[in-house]
């Protein structure tokens, strides 16, 4: 008779690791602000300090 292979059960450690790596809406908003709106604000400040928006 062939022996049956036992299946390993998922441990709570793998479930805890998956919970830690999930992106929450709060972190998603922070990342979008830093990499999306942040550079635009920095470019506008740079152009403003160099007189780009001043009329000749």
Protein backbone atom coordinates (compact mmCIF):
# COMPACT_ATOMS: atom_id res chain seq x y z
CA UNK A 1 0.00 0.00 0.00
CA UNK A 2 1.33 3.45 -0.87
CA UNK A 3 1.71 5.80 2.05
CA UNK A 4 -0.25 9.05 2.05
CA UNK A 5 1.68 12.27 2.18
CA UNK A 6 0.54 14.64 4.84
CA UNK A 7 -0.20 18.20 3.85
CA UNK A 8 1.35 20.97 5.90
CA UNK A 9 -1.09 23.34 7.49
CA UNK A 10 -0.62 27.08 7.16
CA UNK A 11 0.92 28.50 10.25
CA UNK A 12 -0.06 31.74 11.86
CA UNK A 13 3.38 33.16 11.01
CA UNK A 14 2.63 33.27 7.28
CA UNK A 15 -0.69 34.95 7.93
CA UNK A 16 0.97 37.59 10.11
CA UNK A 17 3.60 38.29 7.44
CA UNK A 18 0.89 38.82 4.82
CA UNK A 19 -0.92 41.30 7.06
CA UNK A 20 2.24 43.34 7.57
CA UNK A 21 2.96 43.68 3.86
CA UNK A 22 -0.53 44.83 2.84
CA UNK A 23 -0.82 48.42 1.67
CA UNK A 24 -3.43 50.41 3.53
CA UNK A 25 -5.24 53.39 2.03
CA UNK A 26 -3.32 55.68 4.36
CA UNK A 27 0.07 54.53 3.11
CA UNK A 28 -1.14 54.63 -0.49
CA UNK A 29 -2.14 58.28 -0.09
CA UNK A 30 1.21 59.15 1.44
CA UNK A 31 3.09 57.47 -1.42
CA UNK A 32 0.96 59.20 -4.06
CA UNK A 33 1.53 62.57 -2.42
CA UNK A 34 5.28 62.14 -2.04
CA UNK A 35 5.93 60.83 -5.56
CA UNK A 36 3.08 62.56 -7.39
CA UNK A 37 2.35 65.99 -5.94
CA UNK A 38 5.65 66.51 -4.13
CA UNK A 39 7.84 66.90 -7.24
CA UNK A 40 5.31 69.28 -8.81
CA UNK A 41 5.43 71.53 -5.76
CA UNK A 42 9.23 71.41 -5.72
CA UNK A 43 9.42 72.34 -9.42
CA UNK A 44 7.05 75.28 -8.93
CA UNK A 45 9.09 76.53 -5.98
CA UNK A 46 12.30 76.22 -7.97
CA UNK A 47 10.86 78.13 -10.93
CA UNK A 48 9.39 80.80 -8.66
CA UNK A 49 12.70 81.39 -6.87
CA UNK A 50 14.51 81.74 -10.23
CA UNK A 51 12.06 84.37 -11.47
CA UNK A 52 10.27 82.26 -14.07
CA UNK A 53 6.84 83.67 -13.20
CA UNK A 54 7.96 87.31 -13.13
CA UNK A 55 6.95 89.33 -16.17
CA UNK A 56 9.78 91.17 -17.97
